[in-house]
PDB file of N, CA and C in Angstrom:
ATOM      1  N   MET A   1       1.051  -1.200   0.270  1.00  0.00           N
ATOM      2  CA  MET A   1       0.091   0.042   0.165  1.00  0.00           C
ATOM      3  C   MET A   1       0.929   1.554  -0.038  1.00  0.00           C
ATOM      4  N   THR A   2       0.392   2.405  -0.468  1.00  0.00           N
ATOM      5  CA  THR A   2       1.181   3.342  -0.936  1.00  0.00           C
ATOM      6  C   THR A   2       0.824   4.073  -0.047  1.00  0.00           C
ATOM      7  N   GLN A   3       1.873   5.532   0.246  1.00  0.00           N
ATOM      8  CA  GLN A   3       1.574   6.422   1.159  1.00  0.00           C
ATOM      9  C   GLN A   3       0.095   7.265   0.300  1.00  0.00           C
ATOM     10  N   LEU A   4      -0.231   7.075  -0.919  1.00  0.00           N
ATOM     11  CA  LEU A   4      -1.241   8.049  -1.280  1.00  0.00           C
ATOM     12  C   LEU A   4      -2.833   7.122  -0.738  1.00  0.00           C
ATOM     13  N   GLU A   5      -2.560   5.863  -0.754  1.00  0.00           N
ATOM     14  CA  GLU A   5      -3.517   5.333   0.250  1.00  0.00           C
ATOM     15  C   GLU A   5      -3.980   5.370   1.131  1.00  0.00           C
ATOM     16  N   SER A   6      -2.436   5.196   1.835  1.00  0.00           N
ATOM     17  CA  SER A   6      -2.611   5.181   3.256  1.00  0.00           C
ATOM     18  C   SER A   6      -2.854   6.158   4.187  1.00  0.00           C
ATOM     19  N   ARG A   7      -2.192   6.953   3.782  1.00  0.00           N
ATOM     20  CA  ARG A   7      -2.573   8.035   4.417  1.00  0.00           C
ATOM     21  C   ARG A   7      -3.098  10.082   3.984  1.00  0.00           C
ATOM     22  N   ILE A   8      -3.002   9.936   2.271  1.00  0.00           N
ATOM     23  CA  ILE A   8      -3.308  11.404   1.699  1.00  0.00           C
ATOM     24  C   ILE A   8      -5.099  10.376   1.654  1.00  0.00           C
ATOM     25  N   TYR A   9      -5.678  10.173   0.636  1.00  0.00           N
ATOM     26  CA  TYR A   9      -6.931   9.498   0.557  1.00  0.00           C
ATOM     27  C   TYR A   9      -7.445   9.208   1.806  1.00  0.00           C
ATOM     28  N   PRO A  10      -7.316   8.721   3.319  1.00  0.00           N
ATOM     29  CA  PRO A  10      -8.178   8.749   4.087  1.00  0.00           C
ATOM     30  C   PRO A  10      -8.122   9.862   4.912  1.00  0.00           C
ATOM     31  N   PHE A  11      -6.938  10.861   4.497  1.00  0.00           N
ATOM     32  CA  PHE A  11      -6.612  12.260   5.472  1.00  0.00           C
ATOM     33  C   PHE A  11      -7.863  13.239   4.396  1.00  0.00           C
ATOM     34  N   VAL A  12      -8.205  13.468   3.559  1.00  0.00           N
ATOM     35  CA  VAL A  12      -8.616  13.907   2.073  1.00  0.00           C
ATOM     36  C   VAL A  12     -10.778  13.247   2.585  1.00  0.00           C
ATOM     37  N   LYS A  13     -10.366  12.138   2.394  1.00  0.00           N
ATOM     38  CA  LYS A  13     -12.423  11.608   3.203  1.00  0.00           C
ATOM     39  C   LYS A  13     -12.516  12.087   4.726  1.00  0.00           C
ATOM     40  N   LYS A  14     -11.907  12.135   5.536  1.00  0.00           N
ATOM     41  CA  LYS A  14     -12.120  11.887   6.494  1.00  0.00           C
ATOM     42  C   LYS A  14     -12.342  12.959   6.790  1.00  0.00           C
ATOM     43  N   HIS A  15     -12.000  14.526   6.452  1.00  0.00           N
ATOM     44  CA  HIS A  15     -12.307  15.672   6.254  1.00  0.00           C
ATOM     45  C   HIS A  15     -12.983  16.669   5.655  1.00  0.00           C
ATOM     46  N   GLY A  16     -13.293  15.844   5.007  1.00  0.00           N
ATOM     47  CA  GLY A  16     -14.555  16.407   3.543  1.00  0.00           C
ATOM     48  C   GLY A  16     -13.879  16.893   2.833  1.00  0.00           C
ATOM     49  N   ILE A  17     -12.616  16.769   2.451  1.00  0.00           N
ATOM     50  CA  ILE A  17     -12.034  18.015   1.674  1.00  0.00           C
ATOM     51  C   ILE A  17     -12.833  17.685  -0.083  1.00  0.00           C
ATOM     52  N   VAL A  18     -13.527  18.242  -0.100  1.00  0.00           N
ATOM     53  CA  VAL A  18     -14.068  18.331  -1.724  1.00  0.00           C
ATOM     54  C   VAL A  18     -13.376  19.100  -3.131  1.00  0.00           C
ATOM     55  N   GLN A  19     -12.073  20.083  -2.713  1.00  0.00           N
ATOM     56  CA  GLN A  19     -11.703  20.864  -3.595  1.00  0.00           C
ATOM     57  C   GLN A  19     -10.382  19.674  -4.189  1.00  0.00           C
ATOM     58  N   GLU A  20     -10.213  20.693  -5.600  1.00  0.00           N
ATOM     59  CA  GLU A  20      -9.090  19.632  -6.609  1.00  0.00           C
ATOM     60  C   GLU A  20      -7.506  19.473  -5.310  1.00  0.00           C
ATOM     61  N   VAL A  21      -7.222  18.007  -5.224  1.00  0.00           N
ATOM     62  CA  VAL A  21      -6.125  18.308  -4.486  1.00  0.00           C
ATOM     63  C   VAL A  21      -5.238  17.269  -5.817  1.00  0.00           C
ATOM     64  N   MET A  22      -3.885  17.781  -5.679  1.00  0.00           N
ATOM     65  CA  MET A  22      -3.063  17.567  -6.664  1.00  0.00           C
ATOM     66  C   MET A  22      -1.907  17.120  -6.142  1.00  0.00           C
ATOM     67  N   ILE A  23      -1.301  15.808  -6.293  1.00  0.00           N
ATOM     68  CA  ILE A  23      -0.215  15.528  -5.978  1.00  0.00           C
ATOM     69  C   ILE A  23       0.706  14.919  -7.233  1.00  0.00           C
ATOM     70  N   LEU A  24       2.264  15.707  -6.846  1.00  0.00           N
ATOM     71  CA  LEU A  24       3.120  15.836  -7.597  1.00  0.00           C
ATOM     72  C   LEU A  24       4.834  14.536  -6.890  1.00  0.00           C
ATOM     73  N   LYS A  25       4.396  13.957  -7.829  1.00  0.00           N
ATOM     74  CA  LYS A  25       5.655  12.494  -8.166  1.00  0.00           C
ATOM     75  C   LYS A  25       6.600  12.507  -8.817  1.00  0.00           C
ATOM     76  N   ASP A  26       6.668  13.283  -9.607  1.00  0.00           N
ATOM     77  CA  ASP A  26       7.691  13.392 -10.456  1.00  0.00           C
ATOM     78  C   ASP A  26       9.505  13.383  -9.632  1.00  0.00           C
ATOM     79  N   GLN A  27       9.970  12.044  -9.530  1.00  0.00           N
ATOM     80  CA  GLN A  27      11.471  12.284  -8.623  1.00  0.00           C
ATOM     81  C   GLN A  27      12.313  13.449  -9.025  1.00  0.00           C
ATOM     82  N   ASN A  28      11.989  13.939 -10.552  1.00  0.00           N
ATOM     83  CA  ASN A  28      13.361  15.140 -11.601  1.00  0.00           C
ATOM     84  C   ASN A  28      12.286  16.474 -10.561  1.00  0.00           C
ATOM     85  N   TYR A  29      12.290  16.852  -9.231  1.00  0.00           N
ATOM     86  CA  TYR A  29      11.400  18.083  -9.276  1.00  0.00           C
ATOM     87  C   TYR A  29      12.456  19.437  -9.340  1.00  0.00           C
ATOM     88  N   SER A  30      13.426  19.482  -8.911  1.00  0.00           N
ATOM     89  CA  SER A  30      14.504  20.391  -9.808  1.00  0.00           C
ATOM     90  C   SER A  30      13.985  21.204 -11.084  1.00  0.00           C
ATOM     91  N   LYS A  31      13.192  20.593 -12.539  1.00  0.00           N
ATOM     92  CA  LYS A  31      12.861  21.197 -13.352  1.00  0.00           C
ATOM     93  C   LYS A  31      11.503  21.588 -13.482  1.00  0.00           C
ATOM     94  N   TRP A  32      10.736  21.062 -12.422  1.00  0.00           N
ATOM     95  CA  TRP A  32       9.539  22.113 -12.203  1.00  0.00           C
ATOM     96  C   TRP A  32       9.396  22.790 -10.977  1.00  0.00           C
ATOM     97  N   THR A  33       9.963  22.718  -9.921  1.00  0.00           N
ATOM     98  CA  THR A  33       9.805  23.507  -8.432  1.00  0.00           C
ATOM     99  C   THR A  33       9.804  25.279  -8.383  1.00  0.00           C
ATOM    100  N   GLU A  34      10.877  25.390  -9.614  1.00  0.00           N
ATOM    101  CA  GLU A  34      10.596  26.449  -9.919  1.00  0.00           C
ATOM    102  C   GLU A  34       9.618  27.617 -10.749  1.00  0.00           C
ATOM    103  N   LYS A  35       8.893  26.938 -11.421  1.00  0.00           N
ATOM    104  CA  LYS A  35       7.442  27.267 -11.777  1.00  0.00           C
ATOM    105  C   LYS A  35       5.916  27.272 -11.035  1.00  0.00           C
ATOM    106  N   ILE A  36       6.444  26.957  -9.420  1.00  0.00           N
ATOM    107  CA  ILE A  36       5.285  26.487  -9.214  1.00  0.00           C
ATOM    108  C   ILE A  36       4.830  27.900  -7.912  1.00  0.00           C
ATOM    109  N   ASP A  37       7.065  28.146  -7.479  1.00  0.00           N
ATOM    110  CA  ASP A  37       7.213  28.858  -6.705  1.00  0.00           C
ATOM    111  C   ASP A  37       8.083  29.410  -6.507  1.00  0.00           C
ATOM    112  N   GLU A  38       8.820  30.857  -6.677  1.00  0.00           N
ATOM    113  CA  GLU A  38       9.719  31.238  -7.381  1.00  0.00           C
ATOM    114  C   GLU A  38      10.633  31.064  -5.952  1.00  0.00           C
ATOM    115  N   SER A  39      10.643  31.753  -4.817  1.00  0.00           N
ATOM    116  CA  SER A  39      10.844  31.209  -3.366  1.00  0.00           C
ATOM    117  C   SER A  39      11.322  29.798  -2.990  1.00  0.00           C
ATOM    118  N   TRP A  40      10.776  28.823  -3.921  1.00  0.00           N
ATOM    119  CA  TRP A  40      10.806  27.182  -3.657  1.00  0.00           C
ATOM    120  C   TRP A  40      12.220  26.896  -3.625  1.00  0.00           C
ATOM    121  N   TYR A  41      12.469  25.830  -2.751  1.00  0.00           N
ATOM    122  CA  TYR A  41      14.263  25.237  -2.760  1.00  0.00           C
ATOM    123  C   TYR A  41      14.686  23.779  -2.850  1.00  0.00           C
ATOM    124  N   SER A  42      13.139  23.517  -3.715  1.00  0.00           N
ATOM    125  CA  SER A  42      12.970  22.310  -3.724  1.00  0.00           C
ATOM    126  C   SER A  42      12.646  20.866  -2.513  1.00  0.00           C
ATOM    127  N   ALA A  43      12.355  22.061  -1.223  1.00  0.00           N
ATOM    128  CA  ALA A  43      12.064  21.376   0.060  1.00  0.00           C
ATOM    129  C   ALA A  43      10.844  20.590   0.032  1.00  0.00           C
ATOM    130  N   LEU A  44      10.535  19.145  -0.117  1.00  0.00           N
ATOM    131  CA  LEU A  44       9.657  18.577   0.670  1.00  0.00           C
ATOM    132  C   LEU A  44       9.133  17.922   1.622  1.00  0.00           C
ATOM    133  N   PRO A  45       7.891  17.721   1.738  1.00  0.00           N
ATOM    134  CA  PRO A  45       6.653  18.388   1.216  1.00  0.00           C
ATOM    135  C   PRO A  45       6.305  19.946   0.968  1.00  0.00           C
ATOM    136  N   ALA A  46       5.300  20.395   0.560  1.00  0.00           N
ATOM    137  CA  ALA A  46       5.109  22.066   0.188  1.00  0.00           C
ATOM    138  C   ALA A  46       3.969  21.434  -0.435  1.00  0.00           C
ATOM    139  N   THR A  47       2.977  22.972   0.133  1.00  0.00           N
ATOM    140  CA  THR A  47       1.852  22.736  -0.584  1.00  0.00           C
ATOM    141  C   THR A  47       1.651  24.072  -0.781  1.00  0.00           C
ATOM    142  N   LEU A  48       1.337  23.988  -2.170  1.00  0.00           N
ATOM    143  CA  LEU A  48       0.255  25.954  -2.321  1.00  0.00           C
ATOM    144  C   LEU A  48      -1.195  25.391  -2.598  1.00  0.00           C
ATOM    145  N   ILE A  49      -2.023  26.361  -1.694  1.00  0.00           N
ATOM    146  CA  ILE A  49      -3.395  26.839  -1.913  1.00  0.00           C
ATOM    147  C   ILE A  49      -3.264  27.793  -2.571  1.00  0.00           C
ATOM    148  N   ILE A  50      -4.211  28.606  -3.850  1.00  0.00           N
ATOM    149  CA  ILE A  50      -4.449  28.838  -5.021  1.00  0.00           C
ATOM    150  C   ILE A  50      -6.060  29.351  -5.078  1.00  0.00           C
ATOM    151  N   LYS A  51      -6.125  30.527  -4.910  1.00  0.00           N
ATOM    152  CA  LYS A  51      -7.777  31.141  -5.097  1.00  0.00           C
ATOM    153  C   LYS A  51      -7.446  31.867  -5.906  1.00  0.00           C
ATOM    154  N   GLY A  52      -7.911  31.806  -7.384  1.00  0.00           N
ATOM    155  CA  GLY A  52      -8.247  33.458  -7.707  1.00  0.00           C
ATOM    156  C   GLY A  52      -6.995  33.174  -8.612  1.00  0.00           C
ATOM    157  N   GLU A  53      -6.285  34.743  -8.222  1.00  0.00           N
ATOM    158  CA  GLU A  53      -4.842  34.893  -7.905  1.00  0.00           C
ATOM    159  C   GLU A  53      -4.242  34.962  -6.998  1.00  0.00           C
ATOM    160  N   LYS A  54      -4.794  34.613  -6.016  1.00  0.00           N
ATOM    161  CA  LYS A  54      -3.998  34.223  -4.438  1.00  0.00           C
ATOM    162  C   LYS A  54      -3.556  33.263  -4.538  1.00  0.00           C
ATOM    163  N   ARG A  55      -2.623  33.241  -3.538  1.00  0.00           N
ATOM    164  CA  ARG A  55      -1.529  31.920  -3.725  1.00  0.00           C
ATOM    165  C   ARG A  55      -1.312  31.929  -1.879  1.00  0.00           C
ATOM    166  N   ASN A  56      -0.717  30.852  -1.711  1.00  0.00           N
ATOM    167  CA  ASN A  56      -0.162  30.274  -0.317  1.00  0.00           C
ATOM    168  C   ASN A  56       0.824  29.607  -0.379  1.00  0.00           C
ATOM    169  N   PHE A  57       1.824  29.622  -0.640  1.00  0.00           N
ATOM    170  CA  PHE A  57       3.062  27.929  -0.739  1.00  0.00           C
ATOM    171  C   PHE A  57       3.573  28.056   0.748  1.00  0.00           C
ATOM    172  N   ARG A  58       3.611  27.195   1.397  1.00  0.00           N
ATOM    173  CA  ARG A  58       3.916  26.068   2.962  1.00  0.00           C
ATOM    174  C   ARG A  58       4.714  25.480   2.347  1.00  0.00           C
ATOM    175  N   PHE A  59       6.364  25.392   3.144  1.00  0.00           N
ATOM    176  CA  PHE A  59       6.873  25.009   2.942  1.00  0.00           C
ATOM    177  C   PHE A  59       6.881  23.848   4.094  1.00  0.00           C
ATOM    178  N   GLY A  60       7.322  22.058   4.077  1.00  0.00           N
ATOM    179  CA  GLY A  60       7.417  21.633   5.199  1.00  0.00           C
ATOM    180  C   GLY A  60       5.611  20.985   4.527  1.00  0.00           C
ATOM    181  N   SER A  61       5.650  20.093   5.955  1.00  0.00           N
ATOM    182  CA  SER A  61       4.002  19.309   6.138  1.00  0.00           C
ATOM    183  C   SER A  61       3.477  19.639   6.994  1.00  0.00           C
ATOM    184  N   TYR A  62       2.190  19.795   6.832  1.00  0.00           N
ATOM    185  CA  TYR A  62       1.148  20.257   7.888  1.00  0.00           C
ATOM    186  C   TYR A  62       0.724  19.098   9.406  1.00  0.00           C
ATOM    187  N   GLU A  63       0.829  18.604  10.429  1.00  0.00           N
ATOM    188  CA  GLU A  63       1.207  18.234  11.310  1.00  0.00           C
ATOM    189  C   GLU A  63      -0.459  17.797  12.001  1.00  0.00           C
ATOM    190  N   THR A  64      -1.199  18.842  11.562  1.00  0.00           N
ATOM    191  CA  THR A  64      -2.692  19.284  12.117  1.00  0.00           C
ATOM    192  C   THR A  64      -3.899  19.780  11.363  1.00  0.00           C
ATOM    193  N   TYR A  65      -5.101  19.148  11.254  1.00  0.00           N
ATOM    194  CA  TYR A  65      -5.890  19.434   9.964  1.00  0.00           C
ATOM    195  C   TYR A  65      -6.030  20.858  10.281  1.00  0.00           C
ATOM    196  N   GLU A  66      -6.152  21.318  11.467  1.00  0.00           N
ATOM    197  CA  GLU A  66      -6.464  23.169  11.687  1.00  0.00           C
ATOM    198  C   GLU A  66      -5.152  23.744  11.408  1.00  0.00           C
ATOM    199  N   GLU A  67      -3.784  23.669  11.467  1.00  0.00           N
ATOM    200  CA  GLU A  67      -3.028  23.692  10.545  1.00  0.00           C
ATOM    201  C   GLU A  67      -3.570  24.276   9.106  1.00  0.00           C
ATOM    202  N   LEU A  68      -3.365  23.126   8.633  1.00  0.00           N
ATOM    203  CA  LEU A  68      -4.040  22.796   7.009  1.00  0.00           C
ATOM    204  C   LEU A  68      -5.455  24.516   7.026  1.00  0.00           C
ATOM    205  N   LYS A  69      -6.206  23.847   7.908  1.00  0.00           N
ATOM    206  CA  LYS A  69      -7.448  24.838   7.643  1.00  0.00           C
ATOM    207  C   LYS A  69      -7.556  25.888   8.337  1.00  0.00           C
ATOM    208  N   SER A  70      -6.528  26.317   8.866  1.00  0.00           N
ATOM    209  CA  SER A  70      -6.213  27.880   9.190  1.00  0.00           C
ATOM    210  C   SER A  70      -5.278  28.737   7.959  1.00  0.00           C
ATOM    211  N   ASP A  71      -4.481  27.589   7.024  1.00  0.00           N
ATOM    212  CA  ASP A  71      -4.225  28.609   6.100  1.00  0.00           C
ATOM    213  C   ASP A  71      -5.160  28.371   4.595  1.00  0.00           C
ATOM    214  N   VAL A  72      -5.980  27.973   5.033  1.00  0.00           N
ATOM    215  CA  VAL A  72      -7.368  27.762   3.524  1.00  0.00           C
ATOM    216  C   VAL A  72      -7.985  28.699   4.154  1.00  0.00           C
ATOM    217  N   ASP A  73      -8.097  29.249   5.377  1.00  0.00           N
ATOM    218  CA  ASP A  73      -9.042  29.394   5.850  1.00  0.00           C
ATOM    219  C   ASP A  73      -8.312  31.127   5.309  1.00  0.00           C
ATOM    220  N   ALA A  74      -7.091  31.521   5.645  1.00  0.00           N
ATOM    221  CA  ALA A  74      -7.015  32.460   5.616  1.00  0.00           C
ATOM    222  C   ALA A  74      -7.015  33.168   4.029  1.00  0.00           C
ATOM    223  N   ILE A  75      -6.282  32.498   3.315  1.00  0.00           N
ATOM    224  CA  ILE A  75      -7.401  33.006   1.840  1.00  0.00           C
ATOM    225  C   ILE A  75      -7.855  32.852   0.906  1.00  0.00           C
ATOM    226  N   LEU A  76      -8.927  32.002   1.740  1.00  0.00           N
ATOM    227  CA  LEU A  76     -10.973  32.636   2.201  1.00  0.00           C
ATOM    228  C   LEU A  76     -10.565  33.950   2.073  1.00  0.00           C
ATOM    229  N   ASP A  77     -10.499  34.395   3.613  1.00  0.00           N
ATOM    230  CA  ASP A  77     -10.524  35.272   4.297  1.00  0.00           C
ATOM    231  C   ASP A  77     -10.672  36.484   3.191  1.00  0.00           C
ATOM    232  N   GLU A  78      -9.119  36.276   2.457  1.00  0.00           N
ATOM    233  CA  GLU A  78      -8.877  37.914   2.091  1.00  0.00           C
ATOM    234  C   GLU A  78      -9.493  38.208   0.598  1.00  0.00           C
TER     235      GLU A  78
END
């Protein structure tokens, strides 16, 4: 079982996330990281939240749903 099946799918389902979730698995990340965010120095994991022209980019993982929700709410409230 992959982490996608054991961690990501259950997380999305448990928290009722209905927005599109994209996961990049390309091991040659240096070819596309700068296209996502110029400040990204290729550290993984990273999360990019987009709403229209608004962007929130975070290096590192979310430890809790509340941390993720806080970042999503912040961009929705702008």
